[in-house]
């Protein structure tokens, strides 16, 4: 636009300025005015007609490619700030959508399960306690480059709600024991019952499978907890840095070497994972629930509560209460154990979503 104005001024000077004597400046303007005029016309046409179309086309071509090469956490954090403004709570949304690994600078090893099924089975021990047997199967969108599986067990509500976002390892499972008095016994029950099956890639990139097996878990010493959970290293948003010494009675961390079930192969990446475990719970609490440890597309959640009632104990009736985006099952009804239907989900569940199975003494 500046060049167009300069060309117009040059042309005006040529047309209106007619010196009485020969002028070198006038001769220069007569010779050169077409050049700035041409450049000005081209620049004006670019600004008025081409610039916007070019920007749109470049954005269409390069935008997705550029975003794909940026850390997902940074992209989502920037987007949320532009919508909601700068807020520490935005970090909760980032960790919910991407999982805890999305907060790390890496972008290729997000733990995202694109096909997930869950089965919850209640096995009564006596009138006061029962075993909650849970089987979770995950299929990951990308191979997860890890050969370790981490187990967190806690009876602390704050830790339960924060571990998924704070975990520094991409492959883990979180168990919450609602009754602190059962915590140690429940942890022993968990370690003695956990079975893991994996679909994996070996060191040569060949896809293989390992049948369900018990893996001897190795307990992580409390002075190493900061390598597994961010909040033991530094502040996380409104949550201050925590001390491991304050959680010696309500947190346990275990690590499993997945190569131990890989039939003499070395596990380099995980494509699928199935975990079957058992924890000790109180019957009179009247509910149990499941939540995904990382973003998961859940196909179905099934229940088997027929074994909850033991001899001489009152019979129960049950109700399924999902807390997720949507489900295709009518909820809110109280049913006999044998009438419980599978919950068809077919939707994404993020950490914080889940489903609860509630029970009470049968009314009739």
Protein backbone atom coordinates (compact mmCIF):
# COMPACT_ATOMS: atom_id res chain seq x y z
CA UNK A 1 0.00 0.00 0.00
CA UNK A 2 2.91 2.36 0.73
CA UNK A 3 4.37 1.64 -2.70
CA UNK A 4 1.00 2.34 -4.33
CA UNK A 5 0.82 5.74 -2.61
CA UNK A 6 4.42 6.49 -3.63
CA UNK A 7 3.59 5.60 -7.23
CA UNK A 8 0.52 7.86 -7.11
CA UNK A 9 2.64 10.71 -5.73
CA UNK A 10 5.26 10.10 -8.42
CA UNK A 11 2.60 10.19 -11.18
CA UNK A 12 1.05 13.35 -9.72
CA UNK A 13 4.42 15.06 -9.69
CA UNK A 14 5.08 14.10 -13.32
CA UNK A 15 1.67 15.34 -14.52
CA UNK A 16 1.43 18.54 -12.52
CA UNK A 17 5.03 19.62 -12.27
CA UNK A 18 6.17 21.21 -15.52
CA UNK A 19 9.43 23.03 -14.82
CA UNK A 20 10.25 26.11 -16.97
CA UNK A 21 13.86 24.92 -17.32
CA UNK A 22 15.12 21.45 -17.81
CA UNK A 23 15.24 19.53 -14.51
CA UNK A 24 17.16 16.33 -13.90
CA UNK A 25 14.73 15.33 -11.12
CA UNK A 26 11.75 15.76 -13.46
CA UNK A 27 13.48 13.62 -16.10
CA UNK A 28 14.14 10.88 -13.49
CA UNK A 29 10.50 10.89 -12.39
CA UNK A 30 9.29 10.63 -15.98
CA UNK A 31 11.51 7.60 -16.57
CA UNK A 32 10.96 5.76 -13.24
CA UNK A 33 7.30 6.34 -12.33
CA UNK A 34 5.98 3.21 -14.12
CA UNK A 35 8.11 0.88 -11.94
CA UNK A 36 6.71 1.91 -8.50
CA UNK A 37 3.28 2.16 -10.08
CA UNK A 38 3.49 -1.46 -11.28
CA UNK A 39 4.84 -2.67 -7.93
CA UNK A 40 2.14 -0.71 -6.10
CA UNK A 41 -0.61 -2.21 -8.26
CA UNK A 42 0.70 -5.73 -7.66
CA UNK A 43 1.00 -5.18 -3.91
CA UNK A 44 -2.50 -3.71 -3.77
CA UNK A 45 -3.91 -6.69 -5.64
CA UNK A 46 -2.12 -9.03 -3.23
CA UNK A 47 -3.47 -7.27 -0.15
CA UNK A 48 -7.02 -6.99 -1.48
CA UNK A 49 -7.49 -10.33 -3.24
CA UNK A 50 -4.66 -12.83 -2.68
CA UNK A 51 -3.45 -12.47 0.90
CA UNK A 52 -6.51 -13.91 2.65
CA UNK A 53 -6.85 -16.82 0.23
CA UNK A 54 -3.16 -17.62 0.56
CA UNK A 55 -3.28 -17.61 4.36
CA UNK A 56 -6.31 -19.91 4.37
CA UNK A 57 -4.68 -22.31 1.94
CA UNK A 58 -1.39 -22.40 3.85
CA UNK A 59 -3.29 -23.04 7.09
CA UNK A 60 -5.22 -25.85 5.46
CA UNK A 61 -2.06 -27.49 4.14
CA UNK A 62 0.44 -26.92 6.95
CA UNK A 63 -1.76 -26.44 10.02
CA UNK A 64 -2.53 -30.10 10.80
CA UNK A 65 1.04 -31.15 10.03
CA UNK A 66 2.45 -28.54 12.36
CA UNK A 67 0.03 -29.47 15.16
CA UNK A 68 0.89 -33.16 14.81
CA UNK A 69 4.56 -32.38 15.50
CA UNK A 70 3.86 -30.27 18.60
CA UNK A 71 3.55 -31.79 22.11
CA UNK A 72 -0.17 -32.62 22.51
CA UNK A 73 -0.25 -31.18 26.02
CA UNK A 74 1.05 -27.82 24.82
CA UNK A 75 -1.45 -27.70 21.94
CA UNK A 76 -4.43 -28.46 24.17
CA UNK A 77 -3.21 -26.16 26.94
CA UNK A 78 -2.90 -23.26 24.49
CA UNK A 79 -6.33 -23.97 23.01
CA UNK A 80 -8.00 -24.11 26.43
CA UNK A 81 -6.35 -20.86 27.47
CA UNK A 82 -7.72 -19.16 24.36
CA UNK A 83 -11.23 -20.38 25.21
CA UNK A 84 -11.39 -20.34 29.03
CA UNK A 85 -8.58 -17.94 29.81
CA UNK A 86 -5.52 -18.66 31.91
CA UNK A 87 -6.55 -20.96 34.74
CA UNK A 88 -4.75 -23.65 36.73
CA UNK A 89 -7.86 -25.83 36.44
CA UNK A 90 -7.24 -26.14 32.68
CA UNK A 91 -4.54 -28.63 33.58
CA UNK A 92 -7.21 -31.00 34.91
CA UNK A 93 -8.87 -30.99 31.49
CA UNK A 94 -5.55 -31.61 29.75
CA UNK A 95 -4.73 -34.58 31.95
CA UNK A 96 -8.28 -35.92 31.57
CA UNK A 97 -8.23 -35.83 27.78
CA UNK A 98 -4.64 -36.95 27.25
CA UNK A 99 -3.93 -38.93 30.41
CA UNK A 100 -0.94 -38.33 32.66
CA UNK A 101 1.55 -39.09 29.87
CA UNK A 102 0.09 -36.20 27.87
CA UNK A 103 1.64 -33.80 30.36
CA UNK A 104 5.10 -35.01 29.48
CA UNK A 105 7.02 -33.43 26.56
CA UNK A 106 6.71 -36.62 24.54
CA UNK A 107 3.90 -36.85 22.02
CA UNK A 108 4.15 -40.30 20.48
CA UNK A 109 3.68 -42.48 23.55
CA UNK A 110 0.29 -41.35 24.79
CA UNK A 111 -1.61 -44.18 26.43
CA UNK A 112 -4.94 -44.19 24.60
CA UNK A 113 -7.05 -47.36 24.55
CA UNK A 114 -9.29 -47.55 21.49
CA UNK A 115 -11.02 -50.79 22.49
CA UNK A 116 -11.74 -51.53 26.14
CA UNK A 117 -13.89 -54.07 27.96
CA UNK A 118 -14.43 -54.45 31.70
CA UNK A 119 -15.88 -57.22 33.85
CA UNK A 120 -16.68 -56.81 37.55
CA UNK A 121 -17.44 -59.85 39.69
CA UNK A 122 -18.45 -59.83 43.37
CA UNK A 123 -17.53 -62.89 45.44
CA UNK A 124 -18.84 -62.92 49.01
CA UNK A 125 -16.48 -64.12 51.76
CA UNK A 126 -18.78 -63.60 54.75
CA UNK A 127 -21.52 -61.18 55.71
CA UNK A 128 -19.00 -58.33 56.15
CA UNK A 129 -16.46 -58.67 53.33
CA UNK A 130 -16.25 -59.70 49.69
CA UNK A 131 -13.74 -60.00 46.88
CA UNK A 132 -14.07 -57.55 44.00
CA UNK A 133 -12.62 -59.32 40.96
CA UNK A 134 -12.00 -56.96 38.05
CA UNK A 135 -10.83 -57.84 34.53
CA UNK A 136 -9.83 -54.97 32.22
CA UNK A 137 -8.73 -55.41 28.62
CA UNK A 138 -7.14 -52.57 26.64
CA UNK A 139 -6.09 -52.19 22.99
CA UNK A 140 -3.87 -49.20 22.41
CA UNK A 141 -3.99 -46.82 19.46
CA UNK A 142 -0.19 -46.77 19.21
CA UNK A 143 2.31 -49.20 20.65
CA UNK A 144 3.23 -48.05 24.14
CA UNK A 145 7.07 -48.11 24.29
CA UNK A 146 7.47 -49.62 27.74
CA UNK A 147 8.33 -52.98 29.30
CA UNK A 148 7.10 -52.18 32.81
CA UNK A 149 3.67 -52.19 34.39
CA UNK A 150 3.06 -50.17 37.55
CA UNK A 151 0.43 -50.93 40.21
CA UNK A 152 -0.79 -48.21 42.58
CA UNK A 153 -2.88 -49.14 45.60
CA UNK A 154 -4.25 -46.49 47.93
CA UNK A 155 -6.93 -45.86 50.53
CA UNK A 156 -6.51 -42.07 50.34
CA UNK A 157 -9.18 -40.15 48.41
CA UNK A 158 -6.83 -37.32 47.38
CA UNK A 159 -4.28 -39.75 45.99
CA UNK A 160 -7.01 -41.74 44.23
CA UNK A 161 -8.18 -38.64 42.37
CA UNK A 162 -4.69 -37.39 41.50
CA UNK A 163 -2.57 -40.42 40.63
CA UNK A 164 -3.87 -40.78 37.05
CA UNK A 165 -2.73 -37.25 36.23
CA UNK A 166 0.51 -37.48 38.22
CA UNK A 167 1.78 -40.87 37.04
CA UNK A 168 5.06 -40.56 35.14
CA UNK A 169 4.77 -44.04 33.57
CA UNK A 170 2.45 -44.65 30.62
CA UNK A 171 1.20 -48.11 31.64
CA UNK A 172 -0.34 -48.56 35.08
CA UNK A 173 -3.40 -49.57 37.06
CA UNK A 174 -4.87 -47.84 40.09
CA UNK A 175 -6.71 -49.64 42.90
CA UNK A 176 -8.65 -47.85 45.61
CA UNK A 177 -9.53 -49.59 48.87
CA UNK A 178 -12.38 -47.70 50.48
CA UNK A 179 -11.86 -49.02 54.03
CA UNK A 180 -8.42 -48.03 55.43
CA UNK A 181 -8.62 -50.85 57.98
CA UNK A 182 -8.58 -53.35 55.10
CA UNK A 183 -5.79 -51.65 53.17
CA UNK A 184 -2.87 -53.94 53.98
CA UNK A 185 -4.92 -57.15 53.68
CA UNK A 186 -6.39 -55.94 50.40
CA UNK A 187 -2.94 -55.14 48.99
CA UNK A 188 -1.79 -58.66 49.87
CA UNK A 189 -4.90 -60.03 48.18
CA UNK A 190 -4.20 -57.94 45.09
CA UNK A 191 -0.58 -59.03 44.77
CA UNK A 192 -1.45 -62.69 45.19
CA UNK A 193 -4.18 -62.66 42.56
CA UNK A 194 -3.12 -60.26 39.80
CA UNK A 195 -2.71 -61.87 36.38
CA UNK A 196 -1.49 -59.99 33.32
CA UNK A 197 -1.63 -60.87 29.62
CA UNK A 198 0.00 -58.74 26.92
CA UNK A 199 0.16 -58.33 23.17
CA UNK A 200 3.60 -56.92 22.58
CA UNK A 201 6.43 -56.23 20.16
CA UNK A 202 9.79 -57.83 20.84
CA UNK A 203 13.19 -56.22 20.28
CA UNK A 204 12.97 -57.09 16.55
CA UNK A 205 9.53 -55.48 16.16
CA UNK A 206 7.73 -58.83 15.81
CA UNK A 207 4.23 -58.90 17.31
CA UNK A 208 3.69 -61.59 19.93
CA UNK A 209 1.25 -62.51 22.70
CA UNK A 210 1.71 -63.78 26.24
CA UNK A 211 -1.02 -65.71 28.07
CA UNK A 212 -2.33 -64.51 31.46
CA UNK A 213 0.35 -65.07 34.10
CA UNK A 214 1.20 -63.91 37.57
CA UNK A 215 4.19 -61.58 37.60
CA UNK A 216 6.08 -61.22 40.88
CA UNK A 217 5.67 -57.49 41.63
CA UNK A 218 8.57 -55.58 43.11
CA UNK A 219 7.63 -52.97 45.69
CA UNK A 220 8.98 -49.49 45.05
CA UNK A 221 10.68 -47.96 48.10
CA UNK A 222 9.06 -44.78 49.39
CA UNK A 223 12.23 -42.78 48.73
CA UNK A 224 11.79 -43.58 45.02
CA UNK A 225 8.12 -42.59 44.80
CA UNK A 226 9.01 -39.22 43.31
CA UNK A 227 10.20 -41.02 40.15
CA UNK A 228 6.69 -42.41 39.69
CA UNK A 229 4.39 -39.59 40.83
CA UNK A 230 4.90 -35.93 39.97
CA UNK A 231 3.31 -34.55 43.15
CA UNK A 232 6.15 -36.06 45.20
CA UNK A 233 8.61 -34.02 43.09
CA UNK A 234 6.89 -30.68 42.69
CA UNK A 235 3.67 -28.74 43.00
CA UNK A 236 0.84 -29.74 40.64
CA UNK A 237 -1.46 -26.76 40.08
CA UNK A 238 -3.32 -26.10 43.34
CA UNK A 239 -1.90 -29.29 44.89
CA UNK A 240 1.29 -28.57 46.82
CA UNK A 241 4.26 -30.90 46.79
CA UNK A 242 3.49 -33.93 48.96
CA UNK A 243 5.82 -35.86 51.24
CA UNK A 244 6.05 -39.66 50.90
CA UNK A 245 6.47 -39.89 54.67
CA UNK A 246 2.87 -38.72 55.11
CA UNK A 247 1.50 -41.56 52.96
CA UNK A 248 3.38 -44.61 54.21
CA UNK A 249 0.14 -46.01 55.61
CA UNK A 250 -2.18 -45.41 52.62
CA UNK A 251 -0.09 -45.90 49.47
CA UNK A 252 1.83 -48.78 47.92
CA UNK A 253 3.57 -48.80 44.52
CA UNK A 254 4.64 -51.99 42.74
CA UNK A 255 6.41 -52.56 39.43
CA UNK A 256 6.14 -55.62 37.17
CA UNK A 257 8.67 -56.61 34.52
CA UNK A 258 6.51 -57.65 31.54
CA UNK A 259 9.40 -59.52 29.94
CA UNK A 260 8.94 -62.09 32.72
CA UNK A 261 5.94 -63.53 30.84
CA UNK A 262 7.29 -63.01 27.32
CA UNK A 263 8.69 -66.55 26.79
CA UNK A 264 12.38 -65.63 26.58
CA UNK A 265 11.65 -62.53 24.49
CA UNK A 266 12.36 -58.93 25.41
CA UNK A 267 9.30 -56.69 25.48
CA UNK A 268 9.94 -53.39 23.72
CA UNK A 269 6.37 -52.08 23.31
CA UNK A 270 2.84 -53.01 24.36
CA UNK A 271 -0.10 -53.10 21.94
CA UNK A 272 -2.69 -54.70 24.21
CA UNK A 273 -3.06 -55.47 27.89
CA UNK A 274 -5.40 -57.54 30.05
CA UNK A 275 -5.32 -57.33 33.84
CA UNK A 276 -7.31 -59.53 36.20
CA UNK A 277 -7.10 -58.67 39.90
CA UNK A 278 -8.86 -59.12 43.22
CA UNK A 279 -9.23 -56.74 46.14
CA UNK A 280 -10.85 -57.07 49.55
CA UNK A 281 -13.80 -54.75 50.21
CA UNK A 282 -16.54 -54.13 52.78
CA UNK A 283 -20.01 -55.43 51.87
CA UNK A 284 -21.90 -52.85 53.94
CA UNK A 285 -20.49 -49.99 51.84
CA UNK A 286 -23.15 -50.88 49.30
CA UNK A 287 -21.28 -50.06 46.12
CA UNK A 288 -18.23 -50.69 43.97
CA UNK A 289 -17.08 -48.86 40.87
CA UNK A 290 -14.61 -48.76 38.00
CA UNK A 291 -12.81 -45.82 36.39
CA UNK A 292 -10.29 -45.87 33.51
CA UNK A 293 -6.69 -44.99 34.40
CA UNK A 294 -6.24 -43.33 30.98
CA UNK A 295 -8.53 -42.23 28.12
CA UNK A 296 -10.35 -45.32 26.86
CA UNK A 297 -13.01 -46.08 24.29
CA UNK A 298 -15.13 -48.55 26.24
CA UNK A 299 -17.21 -51.10 24.39
CA UNK A 300 -18.91 -52.87 27.29
CA UNK A 301 -18.91 -53.27 31.06
CA UNK A 302 -20.36 -56.48 32.48
CA UNK A 303 -21.30 -57.50 36.02
CA UNK A 304 -21.67 -60.73 37.96
CA UNK A 305 -23.02 -60.17 41.46
CA UNK A 306 -24.59 -63.59 42.01
CA UNK A 307 -21.86 -64.60 44.44
CA UNK A 308 -22.12 -61.60 46.76
CA UNK A 309 -24.71 -63.08 49.11
CA UNK A 310 -23.38 -65.96 51.20
CA UNK A 311 -25.28 -68.50 53.28
CA UNK A 312 -27.65 -67.04 55.89
CA UNK A 313 -27.02 -63.51 54.57
CA UNK A 314 -29.85 -61.29 53.28
CA UNK A 315 -30.31 -61.22 49.54
CA UNK A 316 -29.46 -58.06 47.64
CA UNK A 317 -30.83 -56.11 44.72
CA UNK A 318 -28.63 -54.05 42.44
CA UNK A 319 -28.63 -50.89 40.35
CA UNK A 320 -26.11 -49.73 37.73
CA UNK A 321 -25.19 -46.04 37.95
CA UNK A 322 -22.88 -44.85 35.14
CA UNK A 323 -21.18 -41.47 35.29
CA UNK A 324 -19.96 -40.95 31.74
CA UNK A 325 -20.84 -39.15 28.50
CA UNK A 326 -23.62 -41.56 27.56
CA UNK A 327 -24.67 -45.22 27.71
CA UNK A 328 -27.23 -47.34 25.94
CA UNK A 329 -28.58 -49.04 29.06
CA UNK A 330 -31.58 -47.89 31.09
CA UNK A 331 -30.34 -47.27 34.63
CA UNK A 332 -31.93 -46.45 37.96
CA UNK A 333 -33.76 -49.76 38.28
CA UNK A 334 -33.20 -52.15 41.18
CA UNK A 335 -32.74 -55.70 39.89
CA UNK A 336 -31.92 -59.16 41.13
CA UNK A 337 -28.31 -60.24 40.61
CA UNK A 338 -29.28 -62.69 37.86
CA UNK A 339 -31.15 -59.93 36.01
CA UNK A 340 -28.19 -57.55 35.71
CA UNK A 341 -27.54 -56.79 32.05
CA UNK A 342 -24.29 -55.74 30.44
CA UNK A 343 -23.74 -52.01 30.17
CA UNK A 344 -23.19 -51.13 26.51
CA UNK A 345 -21.10 -47.96 26.47
CA UNK A 346 -19.47 -47.48 23.04
CA UNK A 347 -18.10 -44.11 24.03
CA UNK A 348 -14.96 -42.48 25.36
CA UNK A 349 -14.32 -42.54 29.08
CA UNK A 350 -11.76 -40.18 30.58
CA UNK A 351 -10.22 -40.39 34.05
CA UNK A 352 -13.05 -39.29 36.32
CA UNK A 353 -15.69 -41.10 34.29
CA UNK A 354 -16.81 -44.58 35.23
CA UNK A 355 -19.65 -46.79 36.41
CA UNK A 356 -20.82 -47.78 39.88
CA UNK A 357 -22.70 -50.89 40.89
CA UNK A 358 -24.88 -50.23 43.94
CA UNK A 359 -26.73 -52.71 46.11
CA UNK A 360 -29.11 -52.85 49.04
CA UNK A 361 -31.03 -55.49 50.93
CA UNK A 362 -33.83 -56.86 48.75
CA UNK A 363 -37.16 -55.18 49.50
CA UNK A 364 -39.38 -58.12 48.45
